[in-house]
Amino acid sequence: MRLSNYILLAFIFAACAGCSTVRDFYGSAINLKGNGEQIPLGTSLKMSVTCSGIDSDGAHYVAFRLRRQNCWLVLFHPPIEPSRSLRLSTVSGDAAAWLVRGSKPDCGDLARHGRDAPFLSSRAERLTGSIELFGRAGEDFTIPVELIGETGKTTVHGAFRTYTVLWGPLVGPAMLFGVGGARSPKH
């Protein structure tokens, strides 16, 4: 009995240690660095959330960092209920998007000034198009975007995603013991 408890504890520890969170942008883009480079459809780029919160006007904001591209996509959107989804247009003013190249957005300015943050007008390219938000509990999310820059030279089409996966070598044993399996990203 004692041996089976140790085996169970070891397996639970390995399963917990074997989970990882994937954060990426999956899609296509043009001109993220400002050099005209094209990122083909279906590309997966490592992404992180630099900052997020609520600005002084009550709008929610989030700054996604595309690590290898040295740029950030800053989105503003209204609050969303956990069980709802919204498709928003930047043209209608329901949402706003900017691409910031080269240096990290000032998160304090985003919180204090929101869409009127001084660095957005001075060193960011405004993007127009659609943003889809899905209200969910927990850490997993998918935010599809279809955005184009003011000059027409910059595009971002795809989804910013965060999801949890079970480390590959643990999938087989976990399934044998009936302890779940890998979770695929939600689209």
N, C-alpha and C. Protein backbone atom coordinates (compact mmCIF):
# COMPACT_ATOMS: atom_id res chain seq x y z
N MET A 1 0.82 -1.19 0.00
CA MET A 1 0.00 0.00 0.00
C MET A 1 0.86 1.26 0.00
N ARG A 2 1.90 1.26 0.84
CA ARG A 2 2.78 2.41 0.93
C ARG A 2 3.50 2.66 -0.38
N LEU A 3 3.96 1.61 -1.05
CA LEU A 3 4.65 1.74 -2.33
C LEU A 3 3.72 2.34 -3.38
N SER A 4 2.47 1.90 -3.41
CA SER A 4 1.53 2.43 -4.41
C SER A 4 1.26 3.92 -4.15
N ASN A 5 1.24 4.34 -2.88
CA ASN A 5 1.07 5.76 -2.57
C ASN A 5 2.24 6.59 -3.07
N TYR A 6 3.47 6.06 -2.89
CA TYR A 6 4.65 6.76 -3.38
C TYR A 6 4.63 6.85 -4.91
N ILE A 7 4.23 5.78 -5.55
CA ILE A 7 4.16 5.79 -7.01
C ILE A 7 3.13 6.81 -7.48
N LEU A 8 1.98 6.84 -6.82
CA LEU A 8 0.94 7.80 -7.17
C LEU A 8 1.42 9.23 -6.96
N LEU A 9 2.08 9.50 -5.83
CA LEU A 9 2.61 10.84 -5.57
C LEU A 9 3.67 11.23 -6.60
N ALA A 10 4.53 10.31 -6.95
CA ALA A 10 5.56 10.58 -7.95
C ALA A 10 4.93 10.88 -9.30
N PHE A 11 3.91 10.13 -9.65
CA PHE A 11 3.23 10.36 -10.94
C PHE A 11 2.53 11.72 -10.94
N ILE A 12 1.85 12.06 -9.84
CA ILE A 12 1.18 13.36 -9.75
C ILE A 12 2.20 14.49 -9.86
N PHE A 13 3.34 14.36 -9.17
CA PHE A 13 4.38 15.38 -9.24
C PHE A 13 4.89 15.51 -10.66
N ALA A 14 5.16 14.38 -11.32
CA ALA A 14 5.66 14.41 -12.70
C ALA A 14 4.65 15.04 -13.64
N ALA A 15 3.37 14.71 -13.43
CA ALA A 15 2.32 15.28 -14.30
C ALA A 15 2.22 16.78 -14.11
N CYS A 16 2.29 17.25 -12.85
CA CYS A 16 2.21 18.68 -12.59
C CYS A 16 3.44 19.39 -13.14
N ALA A 17 4.62 18.79 -12.93
CA ALA A 17 5.85 19.39 -13.43
C ALA A 17 5.90 19.31 -14.95
N GLY A 18 5.13 18.39 -15.54
CA GLY A 18 5.16 18.20 -16.98
C GLY A 18 4.18 19.07 -17.73
N CYS A 19 3.41 19.91 -17.03
CA CYS A 19 2.50 20.82 -17.72
C CYS A 19 3.26 22.10 -18.08
N SER A 20 2.97 22.61 -19.24
CA SER A 20 3.59 23.87 -19.61
C SER A 20 2.55 24.76 -20.29
N THR A 21 2.75 26.04 -20.15
CA THR A 21 1.86 27.01 -20.77
C THR A 21 2.51 27.52 -22.04
N VAL A 22 1.77 27.47 -23.11
CA VAL A 22 2.24 27.95 -24.41
C VAL A 22 1.59 29.30 -24.66
N ARG A 23 2.40 30.29 -25.01
CA ARG A 23 1.90 31.61 -25.38
C ARG A 23 2.46 31.92 -26.75
N ASP A 24 1.56 32.10 -27.73
CA ASP A 24 2.06 32.37 -29.06
C ASP A 24 1.07 33.19 -29.88
N PHE A 25 1.59 33.70 -30.99
CA PHE A 25 0.76 34.30 -32.02
C PHE A 25 0.82 33.32 -33.18
N TYR A 26 -0.33 32.91 -33.69
CA TYR A 26 -0.40 31.95 -34.77
C TYR A 26 -1.13 32.60 -35.94
N GLY A 27 -0.46 32.79 -37.04
CA GLY A 27 -1.10 33.43 -38.19
C GLY A 27 -0.08 33.94 -39.18
N SER A 28 -0.34 35.11 -39.73
CA SER A 28 0.58 35.73 -40.68
C SER A 28 0.69 37.21 -40.36
N ALA A 29 1.78 37.82 -40.80
CA ALA A 29 1.99 39.24 -40.56
C ALA A 29 2.97 39.79 -41.59
N ILE A 30 2.89 41.08 -41.81
CA ILE A 30 3.82 41.77 -42.70
C ILE A 30 4.29 43.03 -41.99
N ASN A 31 5.60 43.27 -42.05
CA ASN A 31 6.20 44.53 -41.62
C ASN A 31 6.17 44.75 -40.10
N LEU A 32 6.26 43.71 -39.30
CA LEU A 32 6.25 43.88 -37.85
C LEU A 32 7.45 44.68 -37.36
N LYS A 33 8.61 44.47 -37.98
CA LYS A 33 9.82 45.19 -37.57
C LYS A 33 9.97 46.52 -38.30
N GLY A 34 9.09 46.78 -39.26
CA GLY A 34 9.21 48.00 -40.05
C GLY A 34 10.13 47.84 -41.25
N ASN A 35 10.53 46.60 -41.55
CA ASN A 35 11.45 46.35 -42.67
C ASN A 35 10.77 45.62 -43.83
N GLY A 36 9.45 45.46 -43.77
CA GLY A 36 8.71 44.81 -44.86
C GLY A 36 8.71 43.30 -44.83
N GLU A 37 9.36 42.69 -43.84
CA GLU A 37 9.44 41.22 -43.77
C GLU A 37 8.05 40.60 -43.69
N GLN A 38 7.86 39.50 -44.42
CA GLN A 38 6.59 38.77 -44.41
C GLN A 38 6.72 37.52 -43.56
N ILE A 39 5.75 37.31 -42.71
CA ILE A 39 5.69 36.09 -41.90
C ILE A 39 4.56 35.27 -42.50
N PRO A 40 4.87 34.09 -43.06
CA PRO A 40 3.86 33.32 -43.80
C PRO A 40 2.73 32.79 -42.93
N LEU A 41 1.60 32.54 -43.57
CA LEU A 41 0.42 32.00 -42.91
C LEU A 41 0.78 30.70 -42.18
N GLY A 42 0.28 30.54 -40.97
CA GLY A 42 0.52 29.33 -40.20
C GLY A 42 1.77 29.38 -39.33
N THR A 43 2.44 30.52 -39.30
CA THR A 43 3.63 30.67 -38.48
C THR A 43 3.23 30.82 -37.01
N SER A 44 4.02 30.23 -36.13
CA SER A 44 3.79 30.36 -34.70
C SER A 44 4.95 31.16 -34.11
N LEU A 45 4.65 32.34 -33.54
CA LEU A 45 5.66 33.20 -32.94
C LEU A 45 5.48 33.21 -31.43
N LYS A 46 6.57 33.11 -30.69
CA LYS A 46 6.50 33.19 -29.23
C LYS A 46 5.98 34.57 -28.83
N MET A 47 5.06 34.58 -27.87
CA MET A 47 4.42 35.80 -27.43
C MET A 47 4.38 35.81 -25.91
N SER A 48 4.38 37.00 -25.33
CA SER A 48 4.16 37.15 -23.90
C SER A 48 3.27 38.36 -23.68
N VAL A 49 2.67 38.43 -22.51
CA VAL A 49 1.87 39.59 -22.15
C VAL A 49 2.76 40.50 -21.31
N THR A 50 3.07 41.69 -21.83
CA THR A 50 3.93 42.63 -21.13
C THR A 50 3.17 43.30 -20.00
N CYS A 51 1.96 43.74 -20.27
CA CYS A 51 1.13 44.34 -19.23
C CYS A 51 -0.32 44.31 -19.66
N SER A 52 -1.19 44.36 -18.69
CA SER A 52 -2.62 44.42 -18.96
C SER A 52 -3.28 45.07 -17.77
N GLY A 53 -4.46 45.63 -17.99
CA GLY A 53 -5.16 46.27 -16.88
C GLY A 53 -6.35 47.07 -17.38
N ILE A 54 -6.76 48.02 -16.56
CA ILE A 54 -7.89 48.88 -16.88
C ILE A 54 -7.40 50.31 -16.80
N ASP A 55 -7.66 51.09 -17.88
CA ASP A 55 -7.20 52.48 -17.89
C ASP A 55 -8.15 53.39 -17.12
N SER A 56 -7.84 54.66 -17.07
CA SER A 56 -8.62 55.62 -16.29
C SER A 56 -10.05 55.80 -16.82
N ASP A 57 -10.30 55.44 -18.08
CA ASP A 57 -11.65 55.53 -18.65
C ASP A 57 -12.45 54.24 -18.50
N GLY A 58 -11.85 53.21 -17.90
CA GLY A 58 -12.54 51.94 -17.70
C GLY A 58 -12.37 50.93 -18.82
N ALA A 59 -11.59 51.28 -19.84
CA ALA A 59 -11.32 50.34 -20.94
C ALA A 59 -10.22 49.36 -20.50
N HIS A 60 -10.31 48.15 -20.97
CA HIS A 60 -9.28 47.15 -20.70
C HIS A 60 -8.19 47.28 -21.77
N TYR A 61 -6.95 47.09 -21.37
CA TYR A 61 -5.85 47.12 -22.32
C TYR A 61 -4.95 45.92 -22.07
N VAL A 62 -4.25 45.53 -23.14
CA VAL A 62 -3.26 44.46 -23.04
C VAL A 62 -2.17 44.73 -24.07
N ALA A 63 -0.92 44.53 -23.68
CA ALA A 63 0.22 44.69 -24.59
C ALA A 63 0.87 43.32 -24.78
N PHE A 64 0.77 42.79 -26.01
CA PHE A 64 1.39 41.51 -26.35
C PHE A 64 2.75 41.77 -26.95
N ARG A 65 3.77 41.06 -26.46
CA ARG A 65 5.12 41.19 -27.02
C ARG A 65 5.39 40.01 -27.95
N LEU A 66 5.76 40.32 -29.18
CA LEU A 66 6.23 39.30 -30.12
C LEU A 66 7.75 39.32 -30.02
N ARG A 67 8.29 38.38 -29.28
CA ARG A 67 9.68 38.43 -28.83
C ARG A 67 10.71 38.59 -29.95
N ARG A 68 10.70 37.73 -30.93
CA ARG A 68 11.75 37.77 -31.96
C ARG A 68 11.56 38.92 -32.93
N GLN A 69 10.39 39.51 -32.93
CA GLN A 69 10.11 40.63 -33.84
C GLN A 69 10.40 41.98 -33.18
N ASN A 70 10.66 41.99 -31.88
CA ASN A 70 10.93 43.21 -31.13
C ASN A 70 9.82 44.25 -31.33
N CYS A 71 8.58 43.79 -31.18
CA CYS A 71 7.44 44.70 -31.28
C CYS A 71 6.33 44.25 -30.33
N TRP A 72 5.39 45.15 -30.09
CA TRP A 72 4.28 44.91 -29.18
C TRP A 72 2.99 45.31 -29.87
N LEU A 73 1.96 44.51 -29.71
CA LEU A 73 0.63 44.87 -30.17
C LEU A 73 -0.15 45.28 -28.93
N VAL A 74 -0.63 46.52 -28.93
CA VAL A 74 -1.39 47.05 -27.79
C VAL A 74 -2.85 47.12 -28.21
N LEU A 75 -3.72 46.46 -27.44
CA LEU A 75 -5.16 46.43 -27.73
C LEU A 75 -5.93 47.09 -26.59
N PHE A 76 -6.99 47.82 -26.95
CA PHE A 76 -7.95 48.35 -25.99
C PHE A 76 -9.31 47.79 -26.34
N HIS A 77 -10.07 47.40 -25.31
CA HIS A 77 -11.40 46.84 -25.56
C HIS A 77 -12.27 47.05 -24.33
N PRO A 78 -13.60 46.98 -24.51
CA PRO A 78 -14.49 47.11 -23.35
C PRO A 78 -14.44 45.84 -22.50
N PRO A 79 -14.95 45.90 -21.27
CA PRO A 79 -15.00 44.69 -20.43
C PRO A 79 -15.89 43.63 -21.09
N ILE A 80 -15.60 42.38 -20.80
CA ILE A 80 -16.39 41.28 -21.36
C ILE A 80 -16.76 40.31 -20.24
N GLU A 81 -17.99 39.85 -20.26
CA GLU A 81 -18.46 38.90 -19.26
C GLU A 81 -17.85 37.53 -19.53
N PRO A 82 -17.64 36.71 -18.47
CA PRO A 82 -16.96 35.43 -18.62
C PRO A 82 -17.58 34.47 -19.64
N SER A 83 -18.86 34.50 -19.86
CA SER A 83 -19.46 33.52 -20.76
C SER A 83 -19.83 34.11 -22.12
N ARG A 84 -19.33 35.29 -22.44
CA ARG A 84 -19.71 35.96 -23.69
C ARG A 84 -18.53 36.08 -24.63
N SER A 85 -18.82 36.40 -25.87
CA SER A 85 -17.77 36.73 -26.83
C SER A 85 -18.20 37.99 -27.57
N LEU A 86 -17.23 38.75 -28.01
CA LEU A 86 -17.49 39.99 -28.74
C LEU A 86 -16.59 40.07 -29.95
N ARG A 87 -17.15 40.48 -31.06
CA ARG A 87 -16.34 40.82 -32.23
C ARG A 87 -16.39 42.33 -32.35
N LEU A 88 -15.25 42.97 -32.23
CA LEU A 88 -15.16 44.42 -32.16
C LEU A 88 -14.44 44.99 -33.38
N SER A 89 -14.81 46.20 -33.74
CA SER A 89 -14.18 46.89 -34.86
C SER A 89 -13.47 48.13 -34.34
N THR A 90 -12.26 48.35 -34.82
CA THR A 90 -11.54 49.56 -34.42
C THR A 90 -12.17 50.78 -35.10
N VAL A 91 -12.80 50.60 -36.24
CA VAL A 91 -13.42 51.70 -36.97
C VAL A 91 -14.59 52.28 -36.17
N SER A 92 -15.34 51.43 -35.50
CA SER A 92 -16.50 51.89 -34.72
C SER A 92 -16.09 52.53 -33.40
N GLY A 93 -14.83 52.36 -33.01
CA GLY A 93 -14.36 52.93 -31.75
C GLY A 93 -14.53 51.99 -30.56
N ASP A 94 -15.11 50.80 -30.78
CA ASP A 94 -15.29 49.84 -29.69
C ASP A 94 -13.96 49.28 -29.20
N ALA A 95 -12.99 49.26 -30.09
CA ALA A 95 -11.67 48.72 -29.77
C ALA A 95 -10.63 49.61 -30.44
N ALA A 96 -9.39 49.45 -30.02
CA ALA A 96 -8.29 50.19 -30.64
C ALA A 96 -7.06 49.29 -30.62
N ALA A 97 -6.18 49.48 -31.61
CA ALA A 97 -4.97 48.66 -31.70
C ALA A 97 -3.81 49.50 -32.23
N TRP A 98 -2.62 49.28 -31.66
CA TRP A 98 -1.40 49.93 -32.12
C TRP A 98 -0.28 48.91 -32.15
N LEU A 99 0.64 49.09 -33.08
CA LEU A 99 1.86 48.30 -33.14
C LEU A 99 3.00 49.20 -32.70
N VAL A 100 3.68 48.82 -31.62
CA VAL A 100 4.80 49.58 -31.08
C VAL A 100 6.07 48.82 -31.42
N ARG A 101 6.99 49.46 -32.13
CA ARG A 101 8.23 48.80 -32.56
C ARG A 101 9.42 49.29 -31.73
N GLY A 102 10.35 48.38 -31.47
CA GLY A 102 11.64 48.74 -30.93
C GLY A 102 11.78 48.88 -29.43
N SER A 103 10.84 49.49 -28.75
CA SER A 103 10.98 49.64 -27.29
C SER A 103 9.65 49.39 -26.60
N LYS A 104 9.76 48.87 -25.41
CA LYS A 104 8.58 48.45 -24.63
C LYS A 104 7.61 49.61 -24.40
N PRO A 105 6.31 49.35 -24.56
CA PRO A 105 5.32 50.38 -24.25
C PRO A 105 5.38 50.75 -22.76
N ASP A 106 5.08 51.99 -22.47
CA ASP A 106 5.06 52.46 -21.09
C ASP A 106 3.74 52.03 -20.45
N CYS A 107 3.80 50.99 -19.62
CA CYS A 107 2.59 50.43 -19.01
C CYS A 107 1.92 51.42 -18.07
N GLY A 108 2.69 52.26 -17.41
CA GLY A 108 2.13 53.28 -16.53
C GLY A 108 1.32 54.30 -17.33
N ASP A 109 1.84 54.69 -18.51
CA ASP A 109 1.11 55.61 -19.38
C ASP A 109 -0.19 54.98 -19.88
N LEU A 110 -0.16 53.69 -20.19
CA LEU A 110 -1.38 53.02 -20.64
C LEU A 110 -2.44 53.06 -19.54
N ALA A 111 -2.03 52.83 -18.29
CA ALA A 111 -2.98 52.85 -17.18
C ALA A 111 -3.53 54.24 -16.92
N ARG A 112 -2.66 55.26 -17.00
CA ARG A 112 -3.09 56.63 -16.71
C ARG A 112 -3.85 57.28 -17.85
N HIS A 113 -3.37 57.08 -19.10
CA HIS A 113 -3.91 57.83 -20.23
C HIS A 113 -4.68 56.99 -21.24
N GLY A 114 -4.60 55.67 -21.13
CA GLY A 114 -5.32 54.80 -22.06
C GLY A 114 -4.94 55.06 -23.51
N ARG A 115 -5.94 55.20 -24.36
CA ARG A 115 -5.72 55.40 -25.81
C ARG A 115 -4.99 56.70 -26.11
N ASP A 116 -4.97 57.61 -25.16
CA ASP A 116 -4.30 58.91 -25.36
C ASP A 116 -2.87 58.93 -24.82
N ALA A 117 -2.32 57.76 -24.51
CA ALA A 117 -0.94 57.70 -24.01
C ALA A 117 -0.01 58.37 -25.03
N PRO A 118 0.84 59.30 -24.57
CA PRO A 118 1.68 60.07 -25.49
C PRO A 118 2.54 59.21 -26.43
N PHE A 119 3.10 58.11 -25.94
CA PHE A 119 3.98 57.31 -26.79
C PHE A 119 3.24 56.65 -27.95
N LEU A 120 1.91 56.45 -27.82
CA LEU A 120 1.17 55.83 -28.92
C LEU A 120 1.15 56.73 -30.14
N SER A 121 0.94 58.03 -29.95
CA SER A 121 0.89 58.93 -31.10
C SER A 121 2.28 59.24 -31.64
N SER A 122 3.30 59.16 -30.79
CA SER A 122 4.64 59.54 -31.24
C SER A 122 5.45 58.39 -31.85
N ARG A 123 5.26 57.15 -31.41
CA ARG A 123 6.13 56.08 -31.92
C ARG A 123 5.42 54.76 -32.19
N ALA A 124 4.11 54.80 -32.38
CA ALA A 124 3.37 53.56 -32.67
C ALA A 124 2.56 53.75 -33.95
N GLU A 125 2.33 52.64 -34.63
CA GLU A 125 1.49 52.67 -35.83
C GLU A 125 0.09 52.21 -35.45
N ARG A 126 -0.89 53.03 -35.77
CA ARG A 126 -2.28 52.66 -35.47
C ARG A 126 -2.74 51.60 -36.47
N LEU A 127 -3.45 50.59 -35.96
CA LEU A 127 -3.96 49.51 -36.79
C LEU A 127 -5.49 49.56 -36.77
N THR A 128 -6.10 49.22 -37.90
CA THR A 128 -7.56 49.15 -37.97
C THR A 128 -7.98 47.76 -38.39
N GLY A 129 -9.20 47.38 -38.01
CA GLY A 129 -9.71 46.06 -38.36
C GLY A 129 -10.57 45.51 -37.26
N SER A 130 -10.54 44.18 -37.10
CA SER A 130 -11.40 43.54 -36.11
C SER A 130 -10.60 42.75 -35.08
N ILE A 131 -11.19 42.66 -33.90
CA ILE A 131 -10.64 41.92 -32.76
C ILE A 131 -11.79 41.12 -32.19
N GLU A 132 -11.54 39.84 -31.92
CA GLU A 132 -12.59 39.01 -31.33
C GLU A 132 -12.14 38.59 -29.93
N LEU A 133 -13.02 38.78 -28.97
CA LEU A 133 -12.71 38.45 -27.58
C LEU A 133 -13.65 37.37 -27.08
N PHE A 134 -13.09 36.41 -26.36
CA PHE A 134 -13.88 35.35 -25.75
C PHE A 134 -13.69 35.44 -24.25
N GLY A 135 -14.78 35.65 -23.50
CA GLY A 135 -14.70 35.69 -22.05
C GLY A 135 -14.57 34.29 -21.50
N ARG A 136 -13.52 34.02 -20.73
CA ARG A 136 -13.29 32.70 -20.16
C ARG A 136 -12.74 32.85 -18.77
N ALA A 137 -13.03 31.88 -17.96
CA ALA A 137 -12.40 31.82 -16.64
C ALA A 137 -11.07 31.11 -16.81
N GLY A 138 -10.09 31.45 -16.03
CA GLY A 138 -8.81 30.78 -16.10
C GLY A 138 -7.80 31.53 -16.96
N GLU A 139 -6.69 30.89 -17.21
CA GLU A 139 -5.57 31.52 -17.90
C GLU A 139 -5.60 31.34 -19.42
N ASP A 140 -6.31 30.35 -19.93
CA ASP A 140 -6.31 30.10 -21.38
C ASP A 140 -7.14 31.15 -22.10
N PHE A 141 -6.64 31.62 -23.24
CA PHE A 141 -7.43 32.53 -24.06
C PHE A 141 -6.98 32.46 -25.50
N THR A 142 -7.85 32.89 -26.39
CA THR A 142 -7.55 33.07 -27.81
C THR A 142 -8.17 34.39 -28.22
N ILE A 143 -7.38 35.25 -28.86
CA ILE A 143 -7.87 36.54 -29.34
C ILE A 143 -7.54 36.64 -30.83
N PRO A 144 -8.51 36.29 -31.70
CA PRO A 144 -8.28 36.45 -33.13
C PRO A 144 -8.28 37.93 -33.52
N VAL A 145 -7.35 38.31 -34.41
CA VAL A 145 -7.26 39.68 -34.89
C VAL A 145 -7.10 39.68 -36.41
N GLU A 146 -7.67 40.67 -37.04
CA GLU A 146 -7.47 40.96 -38.47
C GLU A 146 -7.24 42.45 -38.56
N LEU A 147 -5.97 42.85 -38.61
CA LEU A 147 -5.61 44.26 -38.50
C LEU A 147 -4.70 44.68 -39.64
N ILE A 148 -4.83 45.94 -40.05
CA ILE A 148 -3.97 46.52 -41.07
C ILE A 148 -3.53 47.90 -40.61
N GLY A 149 -2.29 48.26 -40.92
CA GLY A 149 -1.73 49.54 -40.48
C GLY A 149 -2.24 50.71 -41.30
N GLU A 150 -2.00 51.91 -40.79
CA GLU A 150 -2.44 53.14 -41.45
C GLU A 150 -1.87 53.28 -42.85
N THR A 151 -0.63 52.85 -43.05
CA THR A 151 0.03 52.99 -44.35
C THR A 151 -0.35 51.87 -45.31
N GLY A 152 -0.96 50.81 -44.80
CA GLY A 152 -1.29 49.66 -45.63
C GLY A 152 -0.14 48.68 -45.79
N LYS A 153 1.02 48.99 -45.22
CA LYS A 153 2.20 48.13 -45.35
C LYS A 153 2.30 47.10 -44.22
N THR A 154 1.56 47.30 -43.14
CA THR A 154 1.62 46.41 -41.98
C THR A 154 0.30 45.67 -41.85
N THR A 155 0.38 44.34 -41.68
CA THR A 155 -0.83 43.55 -41.43
C THR A 155 -0.55 42.53 -40.33
N VAL A 156 -1.58 42.21 -39.57
CA VAL A 156 -1.51 41.19 -38.54
C VAL A 156 -2.82 40.40 -38.62
N HIS A 157 -2.73 39.14 -39.07
CA HIS A 157 -3.90 38.27 -39.20
C HIS A 157 -3.60 36.97 -38.48
N GLY A 158 -4.41 36.65 -37.50
CA GLY A 158 -4.19 35.40 -36.76
C GLY A 158 -4.79 35.49 -35.38
N ALA A 159 -4.15 34.81 -34.43
CA ALA A 159 -4.69 34.76 -33.07
C ALA A 159 -3.56 34.77 -32.05
N PHE A 160 -3.75 35.57 -31.00
CA PHE A 160 -2.89 35.52 -29.82
C PHE A 160 -3.50 34.48 -28.91
N ARG A 161 -2.67 33.49 -28.48
CA ARG A 161 -3.21 32.35 -27.74
C ARG A 161 -2.35 32.04 -26.52
N THR A 162 -3.02 31.60 -25.48
CA THR A 162 -2.36 31.03 -24.31
C THR A 162 -3.12 29.76 -23.95
N TYR A 163 -2.41 28.65 -23.85
CA TYR A 163 -3.05 27.38 -23.51
C TYR A 163 -2.05 26.47 -22.81
N THR A 164 -2.57 25.51 -22.06
CA THR A 164 -1.75 24.60 -21.28
C THR A 164 -1.68 23.25 -21.98
N VAL A 165 -0.48 22.70 -22.03
CA VAL A 165 -0.30 21.37 -22.63
C VAL A 165 0.46 20.49 -21.64
N LEU A 166 0.25 19.20 -21.78
CA LEU A 166 0.99 18.22 -20.99
C LEU A 166 2.23 17.86 -21.78
N TRP A 167 3.37 17.90 -21.13
CA TRP A 167 4.64 17.62 -21.78
C TRP A 167 4.57 16.30 -22.53
N GLY A 168 5.02 16.25 -23.77
CA GLY A 168 4.90 15.11 -24.67
C GLY A 168 5.21 13.74 -24.08
N PRO A 169 6.37 13.52 -23.43
CA PRO A 169 6.69 12.20 -22.89
C PRO A 169 5.73 11.71 -21.81
N LEU A 170 4.94 12.61 -21.22
CA LEU A 170 4.01 12.20 -20.17
C LEU A 170 2.63 11.87 -20.71
N VAL A 171 2.35 12.18 -21.99
CA VAL A 171 1.02 11.98 -22.53
C VAL A 171 0.63 10.50 -22.51
N GLY A 172 1.51 9.63 -23.01
CA GLY A 172 1.21 8.19 -23.06
C GLY A 172 0.92 7.59 -21.69
N PRO A 173 1.85 7.73 -20.72
CA PRO A 173 1.58 7.19 -19.38
C PRO A 173 0.33 7.80 -18.74
N ALA A 174 0.10 9.09 -18.96
CA ALA A 174 -1.08 9.73 -18.37
C ALA A 174 -2.35 9.12 -18.94
N MET A 175 -2.36 8.85 -20.23
CA MET A 175 -3.55 8.25 -20.84
C MET A 175 -3.74 6.82 -20.37
N LEU A 176 -2.63 6.08 -20.15
CA LEU A 176 -2.74 4.71 -19.65
C LEU A 176 -3.36 4.68 -18.26
N PHE A 177 -3.01 5.67 -17.44
CA PHE A 177 -3.54 5.73 -16.08
C PHE A 177 -4.86 6.49 -16.02
N GLY A 178 -5.35 6.95 -17.16
CA GLY A 178 -6.64 7.65 -17.19
C GLY A 178 -6.58 9.04 -16.59
N VAL A 179 -5.41 9.68 -16.67
CA VAL A 179 -5.25 11.01 -16.11
C VAL A 179 -5.16 12.01 -17.24
N GLY A 180 -6.22 12.20 -18.01
CA GLY A 180 -6.29 13.24 -19.04
C GLY A 180 -5.35 12.98 -20.19
N GLY A 181 -4.82 14.01 -20.72
CA GLY A 181 -3.94 13.97 -21.87
C GLY A 181 -3.62 15.39 -22.26
N ALA A 182 -3.13 15.54 -23.42
CA ALA A 182 -2.78 16.88 -23.88
C ALA A 182 -4.02 17.65 -24.24
N ARG A 183 -3.97 18.94 -24.00
CA ARG A 183 -5.08 19.80 -24.41
C ARG A 183 -4.65 20.56 -25.65
N SER A 184 -5.49 20.59 -26.61
CA SER A 184 -5.15 21.34 -27.81
C SER A 184 -5.59 22.78 -27.64
N PRO A 185 -4.94 23.69 -28.38
CA PRO A 185 -5.34 25.08 -28.27
C PRO A 185 -6.76 25.28 -28.77
N LYS A 186 -7.46 26.24 -28.16
CA LYS A 186 -8.83 26.53 -28.57
C LYS A 186 -8.80 27.52 -29.71
N HIS A 187 -9.57 27.26 -30.73
CA HIS A 187 -9.59 28.18 -31.88
C HIS A 187 -10.91 28.86 -31.94
